[in-house]
Amino acid sequence: MPTILVSDLLGREVRDSRGTFLGRVQDVVVRRTADGGYQAVGLVTGRSSVAGRWGYGGSLDPPPLLGALLRWLRRHERYLRWDHIGELGETVRVSVPGDRLGRRWSDVDPA
């Protein structure tokens, strides 16, 4: 598989198997491998990445007063497992319908 830079993926349009617009690539989810390297396991797509860039990407709990606002900001966010990605062209094509995608990367087992 060719090397793909994260910076090349960020901002790309994402469409599901029906052609429905899901947003743009907001982030890449990676995990550490046994040999000390890193492996991409999925993409986060949505219309805005403000909440994630503040550090509230599912593993950090927001202060109570910000919780509702951050949930609202992330309402269109979806997690794409790497095996659901059908094509990584100028538009990222997902091989499943958008309603089958998880809401957050932490809700889905990446293995």
PDB file of N, CA and C in Angstrom:
ATOM      1  N   MET A   1       0.845  -1.182   0.000  1.00  0.00           N
ATOM      2  CA  MET A   1       0.000   0.000   0.000  1.00  0.00           C
ATOM      3  C   MET A   1       0.891   1.247   0.000  1.00  0.00           C
ATOM      4  N   PRO A   2       0.562   2.218  -0.804  1.00  0.00           N
ATOM      5  CA  PRO A   2       1.382   3.438  -0.852  1.00  0.00           C
ATOM      6  C   PRO A   2       1.230   4.257   0.431  1.00  0.00           C
ATOM      7  N   THR A   3       2.241   5.059   0.696  1.00  0.00           N
ATOM      8  CA  THR A   3       2.207   5.943   1.854  1.00  0.00           C
ATOM      9  C   THR A   3       1.257   7.107   1.590  1.00  0.00           C
ATOM     10  N   ILE A   4       0.404   7.392   2.558  1.00  0.00           N
ATOM     11  CA  ILE A   4      -0.525   8.507   2.460  1.00  0.00           C
ATOM     12  C   ILE A   4      -0.279   9.412   3.655  1.00  0.00           C
ATOM     13  N   LEU A   5      -0.094  10.685   3.410  1.00  0.00           N
ATOM     14  CA  LEU A   5       0.116  11.636   4.486  1.00  0.00           C
ATOM     15  C   LEU A   5      -1.222  12.058   5.084  1.00  0.00           C
ATOM     16  N   VAL A   6      -1.257  12.211   6.402  1.00  0.00           N
ATOM     17  CA  VAL A   6      -2.466  12.674   7.080  1.00  0.00           C
ATOM     18  C   VAL A   6      -2.901  14.022   6.504  1.00  0.00           C
ATOM     19  N   SER A   7      -1.951  14.886   6.250  1.00  0.00           N
ATOM     20  CA  SER A   7      -2.284  16.213   5.715  1.00  0.00           C
ATOM     21  C   SER A   7      -2.971  16.134   4.356  1.00  0.00           C
ATOM     22  N   ASP A   8      -2.714  15.053   3.606  1.00  0.00           N
ATOM     23  CA  ASP A   8      -3.385  14.870   2.312  1.00  0.00           C
ATOM     24  C   ASP A   8      -4.831  14.414   2.474  1.00  0.00           C
ATOM     25  N   LEU A   9      -5.142  13.775   3.591  1.00  0.00           N
ATOM     26  CA  LEU A   9      -6.504  13.279   3.826  1.00  0.00           C
ATOM     27  C   LEU A   9      -7.420  14.327   4.443  1.00  0.00           C
ATOM     28  N   LEU A  10      -6.879  15.147   5.337  1.00  0.00           N
ATOM     29  CA  LEU A  10      -7.701  16.121   6.052  1.00  0.00           C
ATOM     30  C   LEU A  10      -8.397  17.068   5.073  1.00  0.00           C
ATOM     31  N   GLY A  11      -9.703  17.207   5.270  1.00  0.00           N
ATOM     32  CA  GLY A  11     -10.493  18.106   4.447  1.00  0.00           C
ATOM     33  C   GLY A  11     -11.105  17.461   3.212  1.00  0.00           C
ATOM     34  N   ARG A  12     -10.734  16.217   2.907  1.00  0.00           N
ATOM     35  CA  ARG A  12     -11.326  15.563   1.742  1.00  0.00           C
ATOM     36  C   ARG A  12     -12.802  15.266   1.983  1.00  0.00           C
ATOM     37  N   GLU A  13     -13.588  15.417   0.949  1.00  0.00           N
ATOM     38  CA  GLU A  13     -15.018  15.112   1.003  1.00  0.00           C
ATOM     39  C   GLU A  13     -15.196  13.611   1.207  1.00  0.00           C
ATOM     40  N   VAL A  14     -16.225  13.236   1.995  1.00  0.00           N
ATOM     41  CA  VAL A  14     -16.524  11.827   2.260  1.00  0.00           C
ATOM     42  C   VAL A  14     -17.965  11.548   1.852  1.00  0.00           C
ATOM     43  N   ARG A  15     -18.162  10.470   1.083  1.00  0.00           N
ATOM     44  CA  ARG A  15     -19.496  10.038   0.663  1.00  0.00           C
ATOM     45  C   ARG A  15     -19.660   8.557   0.972  1.00  0.00           C
ATOM     46  N   ASP A  16     -20.879   8.176   1.353  1.00  0.00           N
ATOM     47  CA  ASP A  16     -21.131   6.777   1.678  1.00  0.00           C
ATOM     48  C   ASP A  16     -21.438   5.976   0.422  1.00  0.00           C
ATOM     49  N   SER A  17     -21.826   4.713   0.604  1.00  0.00           N
ATOM     50  CA  SER A  17     -22.073   3.811  -0.526  1.00  0.00           C
ATOM     51  C   SER A  17     -23.256   4.242  -1.382  1.00  0.00           C
ATOM     52  N   ARG A  18     -24.125   5.083  -0.836  1.00  0.00           N
ATOM     53  CA  ARG A  18     -25.278   5.600  -1.588  1.00  0.00           C
ATOM     54  C   ARG A  18     -24.969   6.939  -2.254  1.00  0.00           C
ATOM     55  N   GLY A  19     -23.780   7.468  -2.010  1.00  0.00           N
ATOM     56  CA  GLY A  19     -23.402   8.769  -2.555  1.00  0.00           C
ATOM     57  C   GLY A  19     -23.775   9.938  -1.660  1.00  0.00           C
ATOM     58  N   THR A  20     -24.288   9.657  -0.468  1.00  0.00           N
ATOM     59  CA  THR A  20     -24.686  10.699   0.470  1.00  0.00           C
ATOM     60  C   THR A  20     -23.457  11.381   1.064  1.00  0.00           C
ATOM     61  N   PHE A  21     -23.461  12.705   1.094  1.00  0.00           N
ATOM     62  CA  PHE A  21     -22.367  13.481   1.667  1.00  0.00           C
ATOM     63  C   PHE A  21     -22.349  13.298   3.176  1.00  0.00           C
ATOM     64  N   LEU A  22     -21.222  12.871   3.722  1.00  0.00           N
ATOM     65  CA  LEU A  22     -21.081  12.653   5.166  1.00  0.00           C
ATOM     66  C   LEU A  22     -20.263  13.737   5.851  1.00  0.00           C
ATOM     67  N   GLY A  23     -19.649  14.590   5.091  1.00  0.00           N
ATOM     68  CA  GLY A  23     -18.808  15.635   5.655  1.00  0.00           C
ATOM     69  C   GLY A  23     -17.433  15.568   5.030  1.00  0.00           C
ATOM     70  N   ARG A  24     -16.459  16.020   5.785  1.00  0.00           N
ATOM     71  CA  ARG A  24     -15.066  16.007   5.336  1.00  0.00           C
ATOM     72  C   ARG A  24     -14.217  15.290   6.384  1.00  0.00           C
ATOM     73  N   VAL A  25     -13.090  14.766   5.949  1.00  0.00           N
ATOM     74  CA  VAL A  25     -12.184  14.100   6.891  1.00  0.00           C
ATOM     75  C   VAL A  25     -11.687  15.146   7.884  1.00  0.00           C
ATOM     76  N   GLN A  26     -11.949  14.889   9.172  1.00  0.00           N
ATOM     77  CA  GLN A  26     -11.560  15.808  10.239  1.00  0.00           C
ATOM     78  C   GLN A  26     -10.329  15.318  10.998  1.00  0.00           C
ATOM     79  N   ASP A  27     -10.152  13.983  11.033  1.00  0.00           N
ATOM     80  CA  ASP A  27      -9.046  13.439  11.816  1.00  0.00           C
ATOM     81  C   ASP A  27      -8.766  12.014  11.360  1.00  0.00           C
ATOM     82  N   VAL A  28      -7.589  11.514  11.704  1.00  0.00           N
ATOM     83  CA  VAL A  28      -7.191  10.139  11.434  1.00  0.00           C
ATOM     84  C   VAL A  28      -6.942   9.480  12.783  1.00  0.00           C
ATOM     85  N   VAL A  29      -7.520   8.305  12.992  1.00  0.00           N
ATOM     86  CA  VAL A  29      -7.354   7.572  14.247  1.00  0.00           C
ATOM     87  C   VAL A  29      -6.262   6.529  14.030  1.00  0.00           C
ATOM     88  N   VAL A  30      -5.248   6.545  14.897  1.00  0.00           N
ATOM     89  CA  VAL A  30      -4.135   5.597  14.788  1.00  0.00           C
ATOM     90  C   VAL A  30      -3.991   4.823  16.090  1.00  0.00           C
ATOM     91  N   ARG A  31      -3.317   3.686  15.997  1.00  0.00           N
ATOM     92  CA  ARG A  31      -2.990   2.942  17.210  1.00  0.00           C
ATOM     93  C   ARG A  31      -1.529   2.519  17.111  1.00  0.00           C
ATOM     94  N   ARG A  32      -0.936   2.321  18.246  1.00  0.00           N
ATOM     95  CA  ARG A  32       0.464   1.910  18.306  1.00  0.00           C
ATOM     96  C   ARG A  32       0.544   0.412  18.066  1.00  0.00           C
ATOM     97  N   THR A  33       1.478   0.001  17.240  1.00  0.00           N
ATOM     98  CA  THR A  33       1.664  -1.421  16.940  1.00  0.00           C
ATOM     99  C   THR A  33       2.692  -2.025  17.887  1.00  0.00           C
ATOM    100  N   ALA A  34       2.770  -3.350  17.905  1.00  0.00           N
ATOM    101  CA  ALA A  34       3.684  -4.054  18.802  1.00  0.00           C
ATOM    102  C   ALA A  34       5.145  -3.701  18.539  1.00  0.00           C
ATOM    103  N   ASP A  35       5.463  -3.356  17.297  1.00  0.00           N
ATOM    104  CA  ASP A  35       6.851  -3.027  16.963  1.00  0.00           C
ATOM    105  C   ASP A  35       7.194  -1.560  17.212  1.00  0.00           C
ATOM    106  N   GLY A  36       6.278  -0.814  17.827  1.00  0.00           N
ATOM    107  CA  GLY A  36       6.535   0.578  18.156  1.00  0.00           C
ATOM    108  C   GLY A  36       6.128   1.569  17.085  1.00  0.00           C
ATOM    109  N   GLY A  37       5.620   1.081  15.968  1.00  0.00           N
ATOM    110  CA  GLY A  37       5.149   1.956  14.900  1.00  0.00           C
ATOM    111  C   GLY A  37       3.698   2.348  15.130  1.00  0.00           C
ATOM    112  N   TYR A  38       3.114   2.957  14.136  1.00  0.00           N
ATOM    113  CA  TYR A  38       1.715   3.367  14.218  1.00  0.00           C
ATOM    114  C   TYR A  38       0.968   2.887  12.987  1.00  0.00           C
ATOM    115  N   GLN A  39      -0.306   2.562  13.170  1.00  0.00           N
ATOM    116  CA  GLN A  39      -1.142   2.075  12.088  1.00  0.00           C
ATOM    117  C   GLN A  39      -2.455   2.851  12.101  1.00  0.00           C
ATOM    118  N   ALA A  40      -2.866   3.337  10.931  1.00  0.00           N
ATOM    119  CA  ALA A  40      -4.162   4.013  10.830  1.00  0.00           C
ATOM    120  C   ALA A  40      -5.261   2.970  10.943  1.00  0.00           C
ATOM    121  N   VAL A  41      -6.257   3.242  11.794  1.00  0.00           N
ATOM    122  CA  VAL A  41      -7.368   2.303  11.964  1.00  0.00           C
ATOM    123  C   VAL A  41      -8.699   2.897  11.521  1.00  0.00           C
ATOM    124  N   GLY A  42      -8.716   4.196  11.221  1.00  0.00           N
ATOM    125  CA  GLY A  42      -9.963   4.802  10.773  1.00  0.00           C
ATOM    126  C   GLY A  42      -9.844   6.294  10.578  1.00  0.00           C
ATOM    127  N   LEU A  43     -10.954   6.861  10.112  1.00  0.00           N
ATOM    128  CA  LEU A  43     -11.043   8.299   9.883  1.00  0.00           C
ATOM    129  C   LEU A  43     -12.248   8.848  10.635  1.00  0.00           C
ATOM    130  N   VAL A  44     -12.160  10.078  11.062  1.00  0.00           N
ATOM    131  CA  VAL A  44     -13.292  10.778  11.650  1.00  0.00           C
ATOM    132  C   VAL A  44     -13.773  11.774  10.608  1.00  0.00           C
ATOM    133  N   THR A  45     -15.060  11.729  10.309  1.00  0.00           N
ATOM    134  CA  THR A  45     -15.628  12.639   9.322  1.00  0.00           C
ATOM    135  C   THR A  45     -16.742  13.441   9.976  1.00  0.00           C
ATOM    136  N   GLY A  46     -16.999  14.598   9.449  1.00  0.00           N
ATOM    137  CA  GLY A  46     -18.065  15.439   9.970  1.00  0.00           C
ATOM    138  C   GLY A  46     -18.033  16.797   9.319  1.00  0.00           C
ATOM    139  N   ARG A  47     -18.845  17.687   9.846  1.00  0.00           N
ATOM    140  CA  ARG A  47     -18.930  19.033   9.286  1.00  0.00           C
ATOM    141  C   ARG A  47     -18.055  20.035  10.013  1.00  0.00           C
ATOM    142  N   SER A  48     -17.659  19.698  11.235  1.00  0.00           N
ATOM    143  CA  SER A  48     -16.835  20.609  12.028  1.00  0.00           C
ATOM    144  C   SER A  48     -15.915  19.785  12.908  1.00  0.00           C
ATOM    145  N   SER A  49     -14.743  20.288  13.169  1.00  0.00           N
ATOM    146  CA  SER A  49     -13.808  19.560  14.025  1.00  0.00           C
ATOM    147  C   SER A  49     -13.432  20.355  15.270  1.00  0.00           C
ATOM    148  N   VAL A  50     -14.198  21.371  15.581  1.00  0.00           N
ATOM    149  CA  VAL A  50     -13.870  22.243  16.710  1.00  0.00           C
ATOM    150  C   VAL A  50     -13.767  21.467  18.016  1.00  0.00           C
ATOM    151  N   ALA A  51     -14.756  20.646  18.326  1.00  0.00           N
ATOM    152  CA  ALA A  51     -14.751  19.923  19.602  1.00  0.00           C
ATOM    153  C   ALA A  51     -13.562  18.981  19.696  1.00  0.00           C
ATOM    154  N   GLY A  52     -13.262  18.270  18.627  1.00  0.00           N
ATOM    155  CA  GLY A  52     -12.128  17.359  18.625  1.00  0.00           C
ATOM    156  C   GLY A  52     -10.808  18.085  18.771  1.00  0.00           C
ATOM    157  N   ARG A  53     -10.694  19.227  18.165  1.00  0.00           N
ATOM    158  CA  ARG A  53      -9.452  19.994  18.253  1.00  0.00           C
ATOM    159  C   ARG A  53      -9.261  20.596  19.638  1.00  0.00           C
ATOM    160  N   TRP A  54     -10.328  20.739  20.391  1.00  0.00           N
ATOM    161  CA  TRP A  54     -10.212  21.188  21.777  1.00  0.00           C
ATOM    162  C   TRP A  54      -9.756  20.047  22.675  1.00  0.00           C
ATOM    163  N   GLY A  55      -9.666  18.852  22.114  1.00  0.00           N
ATOM    164  CA  GLY A  55      -9.206  17.703  22.878  1.00  0.00           C
ATOM    165  C   GLY A  55     -10.319  16.808  23.377  1.00  0.00           C
ATOM    166  N   TYR A  56     -11.553  17.083  22.988  1.00  0.00           N
ATOM    167  CA  TYR A  56     -12.682  16.277  23.457  1.00  0.00           C
ATOM    168  C   TYR A  56     -13.097  15.309  22.364  1.00  0.00           C
ATOM    169  N   GLY A  57     -12.218  14.357  22.056  1.00  0.00           N
ATOM    170  CA  GLY A  57     -12.480  13.416  20.979  1.00  0.00           C
ATOM    171  C   GLY A  57     -13.036  12.093  21.438  1.00  0.00           C
ATOM    172  N   GLY A  58     -13.578  12.024  22.615  1.00  0.00           N
ATOM    173  CA  GLY A  58     -14.165  10.785  23.088  1.00  0.00           C
ATOM    174  C   GLY A  58     -13.405  10.171  24.255  1.00  0.00           C
ATOM    175  N   SER A  59     -12.127  10.504  24.419  1.00  0.00           N
ATOM    176  CA  SER A  59     -11.358   9.936  25.516  1.00  0.00           C
ATOM    177  C   SER A  59     -11.193  10.924  26.671  1.00  0.00           C
ATOM    178  N   LEU A  60     -11.580  12.169  26.465  1.00  0.00           N
ATOM    179  CA  LEU A  60     -11.468  13.201  27.488  1.00  0.00           C
ATOM    180  C   LEU A  60     -12.862  13.763  27.756  1.00  0.00           C
ATOM    181  N   ASP A  61     -13.272  13.748  29.019  1.00  0.00           N
ATOM    182  CA  ASP A  61     -14.595  14.265  29.375  1.00  0.00           C
ATOM    183  C   ASP A  61     -14.560  15.780  29.484  1.00  0.00           C
ATOM    184  N   PRO A  62     -15.509  16.466  28.835  1.00  0.00           N
ATOM    185  CA  PRO A  62     -15.540  17.924  28.911  1.00  0.00           C
ATOM    186  C   PRO A  62     -16.096  18.393  30.252  1.00  0.00           C
ATOM    187  N   PRO A  63     -15.804  19.631  30.612  1.00  0.00           N
ATOM    188  CA  PRO A  63     -16.437  20.201  31.805  1.00  0.00           C
ATOM    189  C   PRO A  63     -17.953  20.176  31.616  1.00  0.00           C
ATOM    190  N   PRO A  64     -18.713  19.977  32.694  1.00  0.00           N
ATOM    191  CA  PRO A  64     -20.173  19.830  32.574  1.00  0.00           C
ATOM    192  C   PRO A  64     -20.865  20.938  31.780  1.00  0.00           C
ATOM    193  N   LEU A  65     -20.443  22.167  31.947  1.00  0.00           N
ATOM    194  CA  LEU A  65     -21.112  23.258  31.252  1.00  0.00           C
ATOM    195  C   LEU A  65     -20.886  23.226  29.744  1.00  0.00           C
ATOM    196  N   LEU A  66     -19.780  22.630  29.307  1.00  0.00           N
ATOM    197  CA  LEU A  66     -19.489  22.562  27.877  1.00  0.00           C
ATOM    198  C   LEU A  66     -20.019  21.295  27.214  1.00  0.00           C
ATOM    199  N   GLY A  67     -20.410  20.311  28.020  1.00  0.00           N
ATOM    200  CA  GLY A  67     -20.830  19.020  27.482  1.00  0.00           C
ATOM    201  C   GLY A  67     -21.918  19.101  26.428  1.00  0.00           C
ATOM    202  N   ALA A  68     -22.999  19.822  26.703  1.00  0.00           N
ATOM    203  CA  ALA A  68     -24.114  19.922  25.748  1.00  0.00           C
ATOM    204  C   ALA A  68     -23.685  20.632  24.465  1.00  0.00           C
ATOM    205  N   LEU A  69     -22.918  21.688  24.604  1.00  0.00           N
ATOM    206  CA  LEU A  69     -22.440  22.414  23.422  1.00  0.00           C
ATOM    207  C   LEU A  69     -21.551  21.530  22.560  1.00  0.00           C
ATOM    208  N   LEU A  70     -20.642  20.803  23.179  1.00  0.00           N
ATOM    209  CA  LEU A  70     -19.742  19.937  22.422  1.00  0.00           C
ATOM    210  C   LEU A  70     -20.494  18.793  21.750  1.00  0.00           C
ATOM    211  N   ARG A  71     -21.499  18.225  22.403  1.00  0.00           N
ATOM    212  CA  ARG A  71     -22.319  17.172  21.770  1.00  0.00           C
ATOM    213  C   ARG A  71     -23.028  17.730  20.545  1.00  0.00           C
ATOM    214  N   TRP A  72     -23.530  18.950  20.657  1.00  0.00           N
ATOM    215  CA  TRP A  72     -24.206  19.587  19.525  1.00  0.00           C
ATOM    216  C   TRP A  72     -23.231  19.820  18.371  1.00  0.00           C
ATOM    217  N   LEU A  73     -22.021  20.285  18.688  1.00  0.00           N
ATOM    218  CA  LEU A  73     -21.015  20.519  17.656  1.00  0.00           C
ATOM    219  C   LEU A  73     -20.619  19.231  16.942  1.00  0.00           C
ATOM    220  N   ARG A  74     -20.688  18.103  17.644  1.00  0.00           N
ATOM    221  CA  ARG A  74     -20.246  16.817  17.091  1.00  0.00           C
ATOM    222  C   ARG A  74     -21.396  15.963  16.570  1.00  0.00           C
ATOM    223  N   ARG A  75     -22.583  16.524  16.428  1.00  0.00           N
ATOM    224  CA  ARG A  75     -23.763  15.735  16.063  1.00  0.00           C
ATOM    225  C   ARG A  75     -23.665  15.081  14.684  1.00  0.00           C
ATOM    226  N   HIS A  76     -22.858  15.612  13.781  1.00  0.00           N
ATOM    227  CA  HIS A  76     -22.726  15.033  12.443  1.00  0.00           C
ATOM    228  C   HIS A  76     -21.474  14.175  12.293  1.00  0.00           C
ATOM    229  N   GLU A  77     -20.719  14.047  13.363  1.00  0.00           N
ATOM    230  CA  GLU A  77     -19.470  13.302  13.302  1.00  0.00           C
ATOM    231  C   GLU A  77     -19.733  11.805  13.173  1.00  0.00           C
ATOM    232  N   ARG A  78     -18.930  11.148  12.340  1.00  0.00           N
ATOM    233  CA  ARG A  78     -19.011   9.698  12.162  1.00  0.00           C
ATOM    234  C   ARG A  78     -17.590   9.144  12.138  1.00  0.00           C
ATOM    235  N   TYR A  79     -17.465   7.897  12.592  1.00  0.00           N
ATOM    236  CA  TYR A  79     -16.186   7.210  12.574  1.00  0.00           C
ATOM    237  C   TYR A  79     -16.192   6.182  11.456  1.00  0.00           C
ATOM    238  N   LEU A  80     -15.173   6.212  10.603  1.00  0.00           N
ATOM    239  CA  LEU A  80     -15.055   5.256   9.506  1.00  0.00           C
ATOM    240  C   LEU A  80     -13.926   4.293   9.817  1.00  0.00           C
ATOM    241  N   ARG A  81     -14.271   3.045  10.080  1.00  0.00           N
ATOM    242  CA  ARG A  81     -13.216   2.045  10.246  1.00  0.00           C
ATOM    243  C   ARG A  81     -12.460   1.921   8.927  1.00  0.00           C
ATOM    244  N   TRP A  82     -11.188   1.631   8.987  1.00  0.00           N
ATOM    245  CA  TRP A  82     -10.365   1.566   7.783  1.00  0.00           C
ATOM    246  C   TRP A  82     -10.922   0.544   6.792  1.00  0.00           C
ATOM    247  N   ASP A  83     -11.467  -0.569   7.278  1.00  0.00           N
ATOM    248  CA  ASP A  83     -11.999  -1.589   6.355  1.00  0.00           C
ATOM    249  C   ASP A  83     -13.322  -1.160   5.712  1.00  0.00           C
ATOM    250  N   HIS A  84     -13.914  -0.053   6.137  1.00  0.00           N
ATOM    251  CA  HIS A  84     -15.117   0.487   5.491  1.00  0.00           C
ATOM    252  C   HIS A  84     -14.787   1.505   4.405  1.00  0.00           C
ATOM    253  N   ILE A  85     -13.518   1.815   4.265  1.00  0.00           N
ATOM    254  CA  ILE A  85     -13.113   2.783   3.243  1.00  0.00           C
ATOM    255  C   ILE A  85     -12.914   2.038   1.938  1.00  0.00           C
ATOM    256  N   GLY A  86     -13.734   2.400   0.944  1.00  0.00           N
ATOM    257  CA  GLY A  86     -13.668   1.733  -0.343  1.00  0.00           C
ATOM    258  C   GLY A  86     -12.674   2.365  -1.289  1.00  0.00           C
ATOM    259  N   GLU A  87     -12.513   3.682  -1.213  1.00  0.00           N
ATOM    260  CA  GLU A  87     -11.646   4.402  -2.138  1.00  0.00           C
ATOM    261  C   GLU A  87     -11.104   5.666  -1.470  1.00  0.00           C
ATOM    262  N   LEU A  88      -9.816   5.905  -1.657  1.00  0.00           N
ATOM    263  CA  LEU A  88      -9.173   7.095  -1.095  1.00  0.00           C
ATOM    264  C   LEU A  88      -8.708   8.006  -2.231  1.00  0.00           C
ATOM    265  N   GLY A  89      -9.645   8.452  -3.038  1.00  0.00           N
ATOM    266  CA  GLY A  89      -9.319   9.383  -4.104  1.00  0.00           C
ATOM    267  C   GLY A  89      -9.513  10.806  -3.615  1.00  0.00           C
ATOM    268  N   GLU A  90      -9.780  11.714  -4.537  1.00  0.00           N
ATOM    269  CA  GLU A  90     -10.073  13.101  -4.144  1.00  0.00           C
ATOM    270  C   GLU A  90     -11.287  13.141  -3.218  1.00  0.00           C
ATOM    271  N   THR A  91     -12.216  12.212  -3.441  1.00  0.00           N
ATOM    272  CA  THR A  91     -13.339  12.001  -2.531  1.00  0.00           C
ATOM    273  C   THR A  91     -13.152  10.643  -1.879  1.00  0.00           C
ATOM    274  N   VAL A  92     -13.303  10.579  -0.560  1.00  0.00           N
ATOM    275  CA  VAL A  92     -13.215   9.308   0.152  1.00  0.00           C
ATOM    276  C   VAL A  92     -14.569   8.622   0.020  1.00  0.00           C
ATOM    277  N   ARG A  93     -14.577   7.430  -0.532  1.00  0.00           N
ATOM    278  CA  ARG A  93     -15.809   6.647  -0.712  1.00  0.00           C
ATOM    279  C   ARG A  93     -15.861   5.559   0.350  1.00  0.00           C
ATOM    280  N   VAL A  94     -16.987   5.502   1.038  1.00  0.00           N
ATOM    281  CA  VAL A  94     -17.201   4.509   2.088  1.00  0.00           C
ATOM    282  C   VAL A  94     -18.011   3.363   1.504  1.00  0.00           C
ATOM    283  N   SER A  95     -17.668   2.140   1.863  1.00  0.00           N
ATOM    284  CA  SER A  95     -18.314   0.969   1.272  1.00  0.00           C
ATOM    285  C   SER A  95     -19.628   0.570   1.942  1.00  0.00           C
ATOM    286  N   VAL A  96     -20.061   1.323   2.951  1.00  0.00           N
ATOM    287  CA  VAL A  96     -21.316   1.023   3.659  1.00  0.00           C
ATOM    288  C   VAL A  96     -22.174   2.291   3.721  1.00  0.00           C
ATOM    289  N   PRO A  97     -23.482   2.141   3.973  1.00  0.00           N
ATOM    290  CA  PRO A  97     -24.329   3.329   4.161  1.00  0.00           C
ATOM    291  C   PRO A  97     -23.912   4.106   5.413  1.00  0.00           C
ATOM    292  N   GLY A  98     -24.065   5.413   5.374  1.00  0.00           N
ATOM    293  CA  GLY A  98     -23.682   6.271   6.487  1.00  0.00           C
ATOM    294  C   GLY A  98     -24.354   5.933   7.800  1.00  0.00           C
ATOM    295  N   ASP A  99     -25.590   5.408   7.749  1.00  0.00           N
ATOM    296  CA  ASP A  99     -26.295   5.096   8.999  1.00  0.00           C
ATOM    297  C   ASP A  99     -25.723   3.862   9.704  1.00  0.00           C
ATOM    298  N   ARG A 100     -24.799   3.150   9.088  1.00  0.00           N
ATOM    299  CA  ARG A 100     -24.145   2.002   9.723  1.00  0.00           C
ATOM    300  C   ARG A 100     -22.832   2.383  10.397  1.00  0.00           C
ATOM    301  N   LEU A 101     -22.447   3.636  10.310  1.00  0.00           N
ATOM    302  CA  LEU A 101     -21.179   4.083  10.881  1.00  0.00           C
ATOM    303  C   LEU A 101     -21.360   4.500  12.335  1.00  0.00           C
ATOM    304  N   GLY A 102     -20.330   4.274  13.140  1.00  0.00           N
ATOM    305  CA  GLY A 102     -20.362   4.668  14.544  1.00  0.00           C
ATOM    306  C   GLY A 102     -20.303   6.171  14.710  1.00  0.00           C
ATOM    307  N   ARG A 103     -20.791   6.654  15.828  1.00  0.00           N
ATOM    308  CA  ARG A 103     -20.782   8.094  16.106  1.00  0.00           C
ATOM    309  C   ARG A 103     -19.411   8.583  16.555  1.00  0.00           C
ATOM    310  N   ARG A 104     -18.677   7.758  17.293  1.00  0.00           N
ATOM    311  CA  ARG A 104     -17.368   8.157  17.801  1.00  0.00           C
ATOM    312  C   ARG A 104     -16.411   6.985  17.657  1.00  0.00           C
ATOM    313  N   TRP A 105     -15.130   7.285  17.480  1.00  0.00           N
ATOM    314  CA  TRP A 105     -14.156   6.218  17.336  1.00  0.00           C
ATOM    315  C   TRP A 105     -14.103   5.348  18.585  1.00  0.00           C
ATOM    316  N   SER A 106     -14.346   5.915  19.748  1.00  0.00           N
ATOM    317  CA  SER A 106     -14.263   5.140  20.980  1.00  0.00           C
ATOM    318  C   SER A 106     -15.433   4.183  21.168  1.00  0.00           C
ATOM    319  N   ASP A 107     -16.490   4.320  20.333  1.00  0.00           N
ATOM    320  CA  ASP A 107     -17.644   3.426  20.408  1.00  0.00           C
ATOM    321  C   ASP A 107     -17.435   2.149  19.599  1.00  0.00           C
ATOM    322  N   VAL A 108     -16.385   2.109  18.788  1.00  0.00           N
ATOM    323  CA  VAL A 108     -16.187   1.023  17.845  1.00  0.00           C
ATOM    324  C   VAL A 108     -14.885   0.300  18.157  1.00  0.00           C
ATOM    325  N   ASP A 109     -14.937  -1.012  18.143  1.00  0.00           N
ATOM    326  CA  ASP A 109     -13.730  -1.819  18.346  1.00  0.00           C
ATOM    327  C   ASP A 109     -12.902  -1.771  17.070  1.00  0.00           C
ATOM    328  N   PRO A 110     -11.687  -1.188  17.099  1.00  0.00           N
ATOM    329  CA  PRO A 110     -10.903  -1.027  15.879  1.00  0.00           C
ATOM    330  C   PRO A 110     -10.299  -2.330  15.363  1.00  0.00           C
ATOM    331  N   ALA A 111     -10.318  -3.376  16.144  1.00  0.00           N
ATOM    332  CA  ALA A 111      -9.692  -4.627  15.711  1.00  0.00           C
ATOM    333  C   ALA A 111     -10.565  -5.416  14.773  1.00  0.00           C
TER     334      ALA A 111
END
